[in-house]
Amino acid sequence: VWLKLKPLAYQVHPYQWATIGKEISHIENAQMADVKAFFAKHYNPS
């Protein structure tokens, strides 16, 4: 339901996708370089 309702309600804002993600391929394609960059950007004291 949320995979279909959220992109119906939101067409620009990133609330348009569910927390689990838009599709499985986005998780399948996650690489270590992406993981390290995400950590450096978001996981810090500030």
All heavy atoms as atom14 arrays in JSON, in Angstrom:
{
  "sequence": "VWLKLKPLAYQVHPYQWATIGKEISHIENAQMADVKAFFAKHYNPS",
  "atom14_mask": [
    [1, 1, 1, 1, 1, 1, 1, 0, 0, 0, 0, 0, 0, 0],
    [1, 1, 1, 1, 1, 1, 1, 1, 1, 1, 1, 1, 1, 1],
    [1, 1, 1, 1, 1, 1, 1, 1, 0, 0, 0, 0, 0, 0],
    [1, 1, 1, 1, 1, 1, 1, 1, 1, 0, 0, 0, 0, 0],
    [1, 1, 1, 1, 1, 1, 1, 1, 0, 0, 0, 0, 0, 0],
    [1, 1, 1, 1, 1, 1, 1, 1, 1, 0, 0, 0, 0, 0],
    [1, 1, 1, 1, 1, 1, 1, 0, 0, 0, 0, 0, 0, 0],
    [1, 1, 1, 1, 1, 1, 1, 1, 0, 0, 0, 0, 0, 0],
    [1, 1, 1, 1, 1, 0, 0, 0, 0, 0, 0, 0, 0, 0],
    [1, 1, 1, 1, 1, 1, 1, 1, 1, 1, 1, 1, 0, 0],
    [1, 1, 1, 1, 1, 1, 1, 1, 1, 0, 0, 0, 0, 0],
    [1, 1, 1, 1, 1, 1, 1, 0, 0, 0, 0, 0, 0, 0],
    [1, 1, 1, 1, 1, 1, 1, 1, 1, 1, 0, 0, 0, 0],
    [1, 1, 1, 1, 1, 1, 1, 0, 0, 0, 0, 0, 0, 0],
    [1, 1, 1, 1, 1, 1, 1, 1, 1, 1, 1, 1, 0, 0],
    [1, 1, 1, 1, 1, 1, 1, 1, 1, 0, 0, 0, 0, 0],
    [1, 1, 1, 1, 1, 1, 1, 1, 1, 1, 1, 1, 1, 1],
    [1, 1, 1, 1, 1, 0, 0, 0, 0, 0, 0, 0, 0, 0],
    [1, 1, 1, 1, 1, 1, 1, 0, 0, 0, 0, 0, 0, 0],
    [1, 1, 1, 1, 1, 1, 1, 1, 0, 0, 0, 0, 0, 0],
    [1, 1, 1, 1, 0, 0, 0, 0, 0, 0, 0, 0, 0, 0],
    [1, 1, 1, 1, 1, 1, 1, 1, 1, 0, 0, 0, 0, 0],
    [1, 1, 1, 1, 1, 1, 1, 1, 1, 0, 0, 0, 0, 0],
    [1, 1, 1, 1, 1, 1, 1, 1, 0, 0, 0, 0, 0, 0],
    [1, 1, 1, 1, 1, 1, 0, 0, 0, 0, 0, 0, 0, 0],
    [1, 1, 1, 1, 1, 1, 1, 1, 1, 1, 0, 0, 0, 0],
    [1, 1, 1, 1, 1, 1, 1, 1, 0, 0, 0, 0, 0, 0],
    [1, 1, 1, 1, 1, 1, 1, 1, 1, 0, 0, 0, 0, 0],
    [1, 1, 1, 1, 1, 1, 1, 1, 0, 0, 0, 0, 0, 0],
    [1, 1, 1, 1, 1, 0, 0, 0, 0, 0, 0, 0, 0, 0],
    [1, 1, 1, 1, 1, 1, 1, 1, 1, 0, 0, 0, 0, 0],
    [1, 1, 1, 1, 1, 1, 1, 1, 0, 0, 0, 0, 0, 0],
    [1, 1, 1, 1, 1, 0, 0, 0, 0, 0, 0, 0, 0, 0],
    [1, 1, 1, 1, 1, 1, 1, 1, 0, 0, 0, 0, 0, 0],
    [1, 1, 1, 1, 1, 1, 1, 0, 0, 0, 0, 0, 0, 0],
    [1, 1, 1, 1, 1, 1, 1, 1, 1, 0, 0, 0, 0, 0],
    [1, 1, 1, 1, 1, 0, 0, 0, 0, 0, 0, 0, 0, 0],
    [1, 1, 1, 1, 1, 1, 1, 1, 1, 1, 1, 0, 0, 0],
    [1, 1, 1, 1, 1, 1, 1, 1, 1, 1, 1, 0, 0, 0],
    [1, 1, 1, 1, 1, 0, 0, 0, 0, 0, 0, 0, 0, 0],
    [1, 1, 1, 1, 1, 1, 1, 1, 1, 0, 0, 0, 0, 0],
    [1, 1, 1, 1, 1, 1, 1, 1, 1, 1, 0, 0, 0, 0],
    [1, 1, 1, 1, 1, 1, 1, 1, 1, 1, 1, 1, 0, 0],
    [1, 1, 1, 1, 1, 1, 1, 1, 0, 0, 0, 0, 0, 0],
    [1, 1, 1, 1, 1, 1, 1, 0, 0, 0, 0, 0, 0, 0],
    [1, 1, 1, 1, 1, 1, 0, 0, 0, 0, 0, 0, 0, 0]
  ],
  "atom14_positions": [
    [[0.83, -1.22, 0.0], [0.0, 0.0, 0.0], [0.85, 1.26, 0.0], [0.66, 2.18, -0.8], [-0.97, 0.01, 1.21], [-1.5, 1.42, 1.46], [-2.11, -0.95, 0.97], [0.0, 0.0, 0.0], [0.0, 0.0, 0.0], [0.0, 0.0, 0.0], [0.0, 0.0, 0.0], [0.0, 0.0, 0.0], [0.0, 0.0, 0.0], [0.0, 0.0, 0.0]],
    [[1.84, 1.33, 0.93], [2.66, 2.55, 1.02], [3.57, 2.72, -0.19], [3.92, 3.84, -0.56], [3.46, 2.55, 2.31], [2.62, 2.92, 3.48], [2.17, 2.11, 4.48], [2.09, 4.22, 3.78], [1.4, 2.81, 5.37], [1.32, 4.1, 4.98], [2.17, 5.47, 3.17], [0.66, 5.17, 5.55], [1.51, 6.54, 3.74], [0.76, 6.4, 4.92]],
    [[3.94, 1.62, -0.82], [4.76, 1.72, -2.03], [3.98, 2.37, -3.16], [4.57, 2.93, -4.09], [5.25, 0.33, -2.46], [6.13, -0.44, -1.47], [6.53, -1.78, -2.06], [7.36, 0.38, -1.09], [0.0, 0.0, 0.0], [0.0, 0.0, 0.0], [0.0, 0.0, 0.0], [0.0, 0.0, 0.0], [0.0, 0.0, 0.0], [0.0, 0.0, 0.0]],
    [[2.66, 2.29, -3.08], [1.81, 2.85, -4.13], [1.17, 4.18, -3.72], [1.0, 5.08, -4.55], [0.72, 1.84, -4.51], [1.28, 0.53, -5.05], [0.2, -0.43, -5.45], [0.77, -1.76, -5.93], [1.69, -1.62, -7.08], [0.0, 0.0, 0.0], [0.0, 0.0, 0.0], [0.0, 0.0, 0.0], [0.0, 0.0, 0.0], [0.0, 0.0, 0.0]],
    [[0.78, 4.31, -2.44], [0.08, 5.51, -2.0], [1.02, 6.71, -1.86], [0.65, 7.83, -2.22], [-0.63, 5.24, -0.68], [-1.53, 6.37, -0.14], [-2.63, 6.73, -1.13], [-2.14, 5.98, 1.21], [0.0, 0.0, 0.0], [0.0, 0.0, 0.0], [0.0, 0.0, 0.0], [0.0, 0.0, 0.0], [0.0, 0.0, 0.0], [0.0, 0.0, 0.0]],
    [[2.22, 6.49, -1.33], [3.13, 7.61, -1.11], [3.5, 8.33, -2.42], [3.44, 9.57, -2.48], [4.38, 7.14, -0.35], [4.1, 6.85, 1.12], [5.29, 6.23, 1.8], [6.38, 7.22, 2.1], [6.07, 8.11, 3.22], [0.0, 0.0, 0.0], [0.0, 0.0, 0.0], [0.0, 0.0, 0.0], [0.0, 0.0, 0.0], [0.0, 0.0, 0.0]],
    [[3.89, 7.61, -3.49], [4.2, 8.33, -4.74], [2.97, 8.92, -5.41], [3.09, 9.78, -6.29], [4.86, 7.26, -5.61], [4.41, 5.95, -5.05], [4.23, 6.18, -3.59], [0.0, 0.0, 0.0], [0.0, 0.0, 0.0], [0.0, 0.0, 0.0], [0.0, 0.0, 0.0], [0.0, 0.0, 0.0], [0.0, 0.0, 0.0], [0.0, 0.0, 0.0]],
    [[1.77, 8.48, -5.0], [0.55, 9.09, -5.5], [0.32, 10.43, -4.81], [-0.11, 11.41, -5.43], [-0.63, 8.15, -5.26], [-1.98, 8.53, -5.89], [-1.88, 8.51, -7.42], [-3.07, 7.57, -5.42], [0.0, 0.0, 0.0], [0.0, 0.0, 0.0], [0.0, 0.0, 0.0], [0.0, 0.0, 0.0], [0.0, 0.0, 0.0], [0.0, 0.0, 0.0]],
    [[0.63, 10.48, -3.52], [0.42, 11.71, -2.73], [1.55, 12.72, -2.94], [1.32, 13.93, -2.95], [0.29, 11.36, -1.25], [0.0, 0.0, 0.0], [0.0, 0.0, 0.0], [0.0, 0.0, 0.0], [0.0, 0.0, 0.0], [0.0, 0.0, 0.0], [0.0, 0.0, 0.0], [0.0, 0.0, 0.0], [0.0, 0.0, 0.0], [0.0, 0.0, 0.0]],
    [[2.79, 12.22, -3.05], [3.96, 13.09, -3.22], [4.57, 12.86, -4.6], [4.88, 11.73, -4.96], [5.01, 12.8, -2.16], [4.6, 13.14, -0.74], [4.16, 12.15, 0.13], [4.67, 14.45, -0.27], [3.79, 12.45, 1.43], [4.3, 14.76, 1.02], [3.87, 13.76, 1.88], [3.5, 14.08, 3.16], [0.0, 0.0, 0.0], [0.0, 0.0, 0.0]],
    [[4.8, 13.93, -5.32], [5.39, 13.81, -6.65], [6.77, 14.45, -6.75], [7.49, 14.22, -7.71], [4.44, 14.43, -7.68], [3.08, 13.72, -7.7], [2.2, 14.11, -8.86], [2.36, 15.19, -9.45], [1.27, 13.24, -9.21], [0.0, 0.0, 0.0], [0.0, 0.0, 0.0], [0.0, 0.0, 0.0], [0.0, 0.0, 0.0], [0.0, 0.0, 0.0]],
    [[7.15, 15.24, -5.73], [8.45, 15.91, -5.73], [9.23, 15.61, -4.45], [10.4, 15.24, -4.5], [8.29, 17.44, -5.9], [9.63, 18.15, -5.74], [7.68, 17.76, -7.26], [0.0, 0.0, 0.0], [0.0, 0.0, 0.0], [0.0, 0.0, 0.0], [0.0, 0.0, 0.0], [0.0, 0.0, 0.0], [0.0, 0.0, 0.0], [0.0, 0.0, 0.0]],
    [[8.59, 15.76, -3.31], [9.25, 15.59, -2.01], [9.66, 14.13, -1.79], [8.96, 13.21, -2.22], [8.3, 16.04, -0.89], [8.98, 16.21, 0.43], [9.25, 15.14, 1.28], [9.46, 17.32, 1.06], [9.84, 15.6, 2.36], [9.99, 16.91, 2.25], [0.0, 0.0, 0.0], [0.0, 0.0, 0.0], [0.0, 0.0, 0.0], [0.0, 0.0, 0.0]],
    [[10.81, 13.89, -1.12], [11.27, 12.51, -0.88], [10.39, 11.67, 0.03], [10.65, 10.48, 0.19], [12.68, 12.7, -0.29], [12.74, 14.11, 0.16], [11.84, 14.88, -0.74], [0.0, 0.0, 0.0], [0.0, 0.0, 0.0], [0.0, 0.0, 0.0], [0.0, 0.0, 0.0], [0.0, 0.0, 0.0], [0.0, 0.0, 0.0], [0.0, 0.0, 0.0]],
    [[9.36, 12.24, 0.62], [8.38, 11.4, 1.31], [7.66, 10.47, 0.33], [6.86, 9.64, 0.74], [7.34, 12.28, 2.02], [7.78, 12.88, 3.34], [6.98, 13.85, 3.96], [8.96, 12.51, 3.98], [7.36, 14.42, 5.17], [9.35, 13.08, 5.18], [8.54, 14.03, 5.77], [8.92, 14.6, 6.97], [0.0, 0.0, 0.0], [0.0, 0.0, 0.0]],
    [[7.94, 10.62, -0.95], [7.26, 9.8, -1.96], [7.7, 8.34, -1.93], [7.04, 7.49, -2.53], [7.5, 10.37, -3.36], [8.93, 10.28, -3.84], [9.14, 10.99, -5.17], [9.07, 10.39, -6.23], [9.38, 12.3, -5.1], [0.0, 0.0, 0.0], [0.0, 0.0, 0.0], [0.0, 0.0, 0.0], [0.0, 0.0, 0.0], [0.0, 0.0, 0.0]],
    [[8.8, 8.03, -1.24], [9.16, 6.61, -1.12], [9.09, 6.15, 0.33], [9.25, 6.92, 1.26], [10.53, 6.32, -1.72], [11.68, 7.12, -1.2], [12.38, 6.92, -0.05], [12.31, 8.24, -1.85], [13.39, 7.84, 0.07], [13.38, 8.66, -1.01], [12.08, 8.92, -3.05], [14.2, 9.74, -1.35], [12.89, 9.98, -3.36], [13.93, 10.38, -2.54]],
    [[8.83, 4.85, 0.49], [8.73, 4.25, 1.82], [10.12, 4.11, 2.43], [11.14, 4.12, 1.72], [8.05, 2.89, 1.73], [0.0, 0.0, 0.0], [0.0, 0.0, 0.0], [0.0, 0.0, 0.0], [0.0, 0.0, 0.0], [0.0, 0.0, 0.0], [0.0, 0.0, 0.0], [0.0, 0.0, 0.0], [0.0, 0.0, 0.0], [0.0, 0.0, 0.0]],
    [[10.17, 3.95, 3.75], [11.45, 3.81, 4.44], [12.23, 2.61, 3.93], [13.47, 2.65, 3.86], [11.22, 3.66, 5.96], [10.46, 4.78, 6.42], [12.53, 3.61, 6.71], [0.0, 0.0, 0.0], [0.0, 0.0, 0.0], [0.0, 0.0, 0.0], [0.0, 0.0, 0.0], [0.0, 0.0, 0.0], [0.0, 0.0, 0.0], [0.0, 0.0, 0.0]],
    [[11.55, 1.56, 3.55], [12.22, 0.36, 3.04], [12.89, 0.62, 1.7], [13.8, -0.09, 1.29], [11.22, -0.81, 2.91], [11.94, -2.16, 2.78], [10.26, -0.6, 1.76], [12.6, -2.66, 4.02], [0.0, 0.0, 0.0], [0.0, 0.0, 0.0], [0.0, 0.0, 0.0], [0.0, 0.0, 0.0], [0.0, 0.0, 0.0], [0.0, 0.0, 0.0]],
    [[12.45, 1.68, 1.0], [13.01, 2.02, -0.31], [11.99, 1.86, -1.43], [10.91, 1.3, -1.24], [0.0, 0.0, 0.0], [0.0, 0.0, 0.0], [0.0, 0.0, 0.0], [0.0, 0.0, 0.0], [0.0, 0.0, 0.0], [0.0, 0.0, 0.0], [0.0, 0.0, 0.0], [0.0, 0.0, 0.0], [0.0, 0.0, 0.0], [0.0, 0.0, 0.0]],
    [[12.32, 2.38, -2.6], [11.43, 2.29, -3.75], [11.36, 0.88, -4.3], [10.28, 0.37, -4.63], [11.92, 3.21, -4.88], [11.74, 4.69, -4.68], [12.24, 5.41, -5.93], [12.18, 6.92, -5.8], [12.71, 7.6, -7.01], [0.0, 0.0, 0.0], [0.0, 0.0, 0.0], [0.0, 0.0, 0.0], [0.0, 0.0, 0.0], [0.0, 0.0, 0.0]],
    [[12.52, 0.24, -4.41], [12.58, -1.08, -5.03], [13.79, -1.86, -4.5], [14.76, -1.27, -4.01], [12.67, -0.94, -6.55], [13.81, -0.04, -7.02], [13.74, 0.3, -8.5], [12.81, 1.01, -8.92], [14.62, -0.2, -9.23], [0.0, 0.0, 0.0], [0.0, 0.0, 0.0], [0.0, 0.0, 0.0], [0.0, 0.0, 0.0], [0.0, 0.0, 0.0]],
    [[13.72, -3.16, -4.63], [14.76, -4.04, -4.08], [16.12, -3.77, -4.72], [17.15, -3.86, -4.05], [14.36, -5.52, -4.27], [13.21, -5.87, -3.31], [15.54, -6.45, -4.03], [12.69, -7.28, -3.46], [0.0, 0.0, 0.0], [0.0, 0.0, 0.0], [0.0, 0.0, 0.0], [0.0, 0.0, 0.0], [0.0, 0.0, 0.0], [0.0, 0.0, 0.0]],
    [[16.14, -3.4, -5.99], [17.42, -3.2, -6.68], [18.28, -2.13, -6.02], [19.52, -2.19, -6.07], [17.18, -2.84, -8.15], [16.52, -1.59, -8.26], [0.0, 0.0, 0.0], [0.0, 0.0, 0.0], [0.0, 0.0, 0.0], [0.0, 0.0, 0.0], [0.0, 0.0, 0.0], [0.0, 0.0, 0.0], [0.0, 0.0, 0.0], [0.0, 0.0, 0.0]],
    [[17.64, -1.13, -5.38], [18.41, -0.08, -4.71], [19.23, -0.66, -3.55], [20.33, -0.19, -3.28], [17.48, 1.01, -4.2], [16.91, 1.87, -5.28], [16.2, 3.02, -5.04], [16.95, 1.75, -6.64], [15.83, 3.56, -6.19], [16.26, 2.8, -7.16], [0.0, 0.0, 0.0], [0.0, 0.0, 0.0], [0.0, 0.0, 0.0], [0.0, 0.0, 0.0]],
    [[18.68, -1.67, -2.88], [19.4, -2.33, -1.79], [20.43, -3.31, -2.36], [21.57, -3.4, -1.89], [18.42, -3.07, -0.86], [17.35, -2.11, -0.35], [19.17, -3.73, 0.3], [17.89, -0.94, 0.43], [0.0, 0.0, 0.0], [0.0, 0.0, 0.0], [0.0, 0.0, 0.0], [0.0, 0.0, 0.0], [0.0, 0.0, 0.0], [0.0, 0.0, 0.0]],
    [[20.04, -4.04, -3.38], [20.95, -5.02, -3.99], [22.21, -4.36, -4.51], [23.3, -4.95, -4.47], [20.23, -5.74, -5.15], [19.12, -6.66, -4.71], [18.35, -7.24, -5.89], [18.28, -6.57, -6.95], [17.82, -8.36, -5.76], [0.0, 0.0, 0.0], [0.0, 0.0, 0.0], [0.0, 0.0, 0.0], [0.0, 0.0, 0.0], [0.0, 0.0, 0.0]],
    [[22.1, -3.13, -4.99], [23.23, -2.45, -5.61], [24.05, -1.6, -4.63], [24.98, -0.9, -5.05], [22.73, -1.56, -6.75], [22.1, -2.37, -7.88], [22.47, -3.51, -8.11], [21.13, -1.78, -8.57], [0.0, 0.0, 0.0], [0.0, 0.0, 0.0], [0.0, 0.0, 0.0], [0.0, 0.0, 0.0], [0.0, 0.0, 0.0], [0.0, 0.0, 0.0]],
    [[23.71, -1.65, -3.35], [24.46, -0.87, -2.36], [25.91, -1.35, -2.28], [26.17, -2.54, -2.06], [23.79, -0.98, -1.0], [0.0, 0.0, 0.0], [0.0, 0.0, 0.0], [0.0, 0.0, 0.0], [0.0, 0.0, 0.0], [0.0, 0.0, 0.0], [0.0, 0.0, 0.0], [0.0, 0.0, 0.0], [0.0, 0.0, 0.0], [0.0, 0.0, 0.0]],
    [[26.85, -0.44, -2.43], [28.27, -0.77, -2.41], [28.95, -0.18, -1.18], [28.45, 0.77, -0.57], [28.95, -0.26, -3.68], [28.35, -0.82, -4.96], [28.47, -2.33, -5.06], [29.55, -2.9, -4.81], [27.37, -2.99, -5.4], [0.0, 0.0, 0.0], [0.0, 0.0, 0.0], [0.0, 0.0, 0.0], [0.0, 0.0, 0.0], [0.0, 0.0, 0.0]],
    [[30.11, -0.71, -0.82], [30.83, -0.27, 0.37], [31.17, 1.22, 0.31], [31.09, 1.93, 1.32], [32.1, -1.09, 0.56], [32.86, -0.75, 1.84], [31.85, -0.97, 3.34], [31.74, -2.75, 3.4], [0.0, 0.0, 0.0], [0.0, 0.0, 0.0], [0.0, 0.0, 0.0], [0.0, 0.0, 0.0], [0.0, 0.0, 0.0], [0.0, 0.0, 0.0]],
    [[31.53, 1.71, -0.85], [31.85, 3.14, -0.98], [30.63, 4.0, -0.64], [30.75, 5.05, -0.01], [32.33, 3.44, -2.4], [0.0, 0.0, 0.0], [0.0, 0.0, 0.0], [0.0, 0.0, 0.0], [0.0, 0.0, 0.0], [0.0, 0.0, 0.0], [0.0, 0.0, 0.0], [0.0, 0.0, 0.0], [0.0, 0.0, 0.0], [0.0, 0.0, 0.0]],
    [[29.44, 3.54, -1.05], [28.2, 4.26, -0.74], [27.95, 4.27, 0.76], [27.53, 5.27, 1.34], [27.01, 3.61, -1.46], [27.19, 3.55, -2.97], [27.75, 4.51, -3.52], [26.78, 2.54, -3.57], [0.0, 0.0, 0.0], [0.0, 0.0, 0.0], [0.0, 0.0, 0.0], [0.0, 0.0, 0.0], [0.0, 0.0, 0.0], [0.0, 0.0, 0.0]],
    [[28.19, 3.12, 1.39], [27.97, 2.97, 2.83], [28.89, 3.91, 3.61], [28.46, 4.61, 4.53], [28.21, 1.51, 3.26], [28.27, 1.39, 4.78], [27.13, 0.6, 2.7], [0.0, 0.0, 0.0], [0.0, 0.0, 0.0], [0.0, 0.0, 0.0], [0.0, 0.0, 0.0], [0.0, 0.0, 0.0], [0.0, 0.0, 0.0], [0.0, 0.0, 0.0]],
    [[30.16, 3.94, 3.27], [31.12, 4.8, 3.96], [30.77, 6.28, 3.79], [30.89, 7.07, 4.73], [32.53, 4.53, 3.45], [33.09, 3.17, 3.88], [34.53, 2.99, 3.39], [35.1, 1.67, 3.9], [36.5, 1.46, 3.44], [0.0, 0.0, 0.0], [0.0, 0.0, 0.0], [0.0, 0.0, 0.0], [0.0, 0.0, 0.0], [0.0, 0.0, 0.0]],
    [[30.33, 6.65, 2.59], [29.96, 8.05, 2.34], [28.73, 8.44, 3.15], [28.66, 9.55, 3.7], [29.71, 8.26, 0.85], [0.0, 0.0, 0.0], [0.0, 0.0, 0.0], [0.0, 0.0, 0.0], [0.0, 0.0, 0.0], [0.0, 0.0, 0.0], [0.0, 0.0, 0.0], [0.0, 0.0, 0.0], [0.0, 0.0, 0.0], [0.0, 0.0, 0.0]],
    [[27.76, 7.53, 3.27], [26.54, 7.8, 4.03], [26.88, 7.97, 5.51], [26.36, 8.88, 6.17], [25.56, 6.64, 3.85], [24.16, 6.92, 4.32], [23.23, 7.51, 3.48], [23.77, 6.6, 5.61], [21.94, 7.78, 3.91], [22.48, 6.86, 6.05], [21.56, 7.45, 5.2], [0.0, 0.0, 0.0], [0.0, 0.0, 0.0], [0.0, 0.0, 0.0]],
    [[27.77, 7.13, 6.03], [28.18, 7.23, 7.43], [28.87, 8.56, 7.7], [28.56, 9.26, 8.67], [29.11, 6.07, 7.79], [29.53, 6.07, 9.23], [28.77, 5.43, 10.2], [30.71, 6.69, 9.63], [29.15, 5.43, 11.53], [31.11, 6.7, 10.96], [30.32, 6.06, 11.9], [0.0, 0.0, 0.0], [0.0, 0.0, 0.0], [0.0, 0.0, 0.0]],
    [[29.81, 8.92, 6.84], [30.57, 10.16, 7.03], [29.67, 11.38, 6.98], [29.88, 12.37, 7.7], [31.66, 10.26, 5.97], [0.0, 0.0, 0.0], [0.0, 0.0, 0.0], [0.0, 0.0, 0.0], [0.0, 0.0, 0.0], [0.0, 0.0, 0.0], [0.0, 0.0, 0.0], [0.0, 0.0, 0.0], [0.0, 0.0, 0.0], [0.0, 0.0, 0.0]],
    [[28.63, 11.32, 6.18], [27.74, 12.46, 5.99], [26.77, 12.64, 7.16], [26.48, 13.77, 7.57], [26.95, 12.28, 4.69], [26.06, 13.46, 4.33], [25.41, 13.23, 2.97], [24.56, 14.42, 2.53], [23.95, 14.2, 1.19], [0.0, 0.0, 0.0], [0.0, 0.0, 0.0], [0.0, 0.0, 0.0], [0.0, 0.0, 0.0], [0.0, 0.0, 0.0]],
    [[26.29, 11.53, 7.73], [25.18, 11.62, 8.67], [25.49, 11.17, 10.1], [24.82, 11.6, 11.04], [24.0, 10.8, 8.15], [23.46, 11.27, 6.84], [22.78, 12.45, 6.7], [23.52, 10.7, 5.61], [22.43, 12.6, 5.43], [22.86, 11.56, 4.75], [0.0, 0.0, 0.0], [0.0, 0.0, 0.0], [0.0, 0.0, 0.0], [0.0, 0.0, 0.0]],
    [[26.46, 10.3, 10.28], [26.7, 9.72, 11.61], [27.88, 10.39, 12.3], [29.0, 9.89, 12.3], [26.89, 8.2, 11.49], [25.56, 7.47, 11.4], [24.84, 7.46, 10.21], [25.01, 6.83, 12.49], [23.62, 6.82, 10.11], [23.78, 6.18, 12.42], [23.1, 6.18, 11.23], [21.87, 5.56, 11.15], [0.0, 0.0, 0.0], [0.0, 0.0, 0.0]],
    [[27.6, 11.55, 12.87], [28.63, 12.27, 13.62], [27.96, 13.03, 14.76], [26.73, 13.21, 14.78], [29.41, 13.2, 12.68], [28.52, 14.17, 11.95], [27.87, 15.01, 12.57], [28.47, 14.07, 10.61], [0.0, 0.0, 0.0], [0.0, 0.0, 0.0], [0.0, 0.0, 0.0], [0.0, 0.0, 0.0], [0.0, 0.0, 0.0], [0.0, 0.0, 0.0]],
    [[28.73, 13.48, 15.74], [28.15, 14.13, 16.93], [27.28, 15.34, 16.63], [26.26, 15.57, 17.29], [29.39, 14.52, 17.74], [30.45, 13.57, 17.33], [30.2, 13.3, 15.87], [0.0, 0.0, 0.0], [0.0, 0.0, 0.0], [0.0, 0.0, 0.0], [0.0, 0.0, 0.0], [0.0, 0.0, 0.0], [0.0, 0.0, 0.0], [0.0, 0.0, 0.0]],
    [[27.66, 16.13, 15.63], [26.9, 17.34, 15.34], [25.54, 17.06, 14.71], [24.72, 17.97, 14.57], [27.71, 18.26, 14.42], [28.0, 17.62, 13.19], [0.0, 0.0, 0.0], [0.0, 0.0, 0.0], [0.0, 0.0, 0.0], [0.0, 0.0, 0.0], [0.0, 0.0, 0.0], [0.0, 0.0, 0.0], [0.0, 0.0, 0.0], [0.0, 0.0, 0.0]]
  ]
}
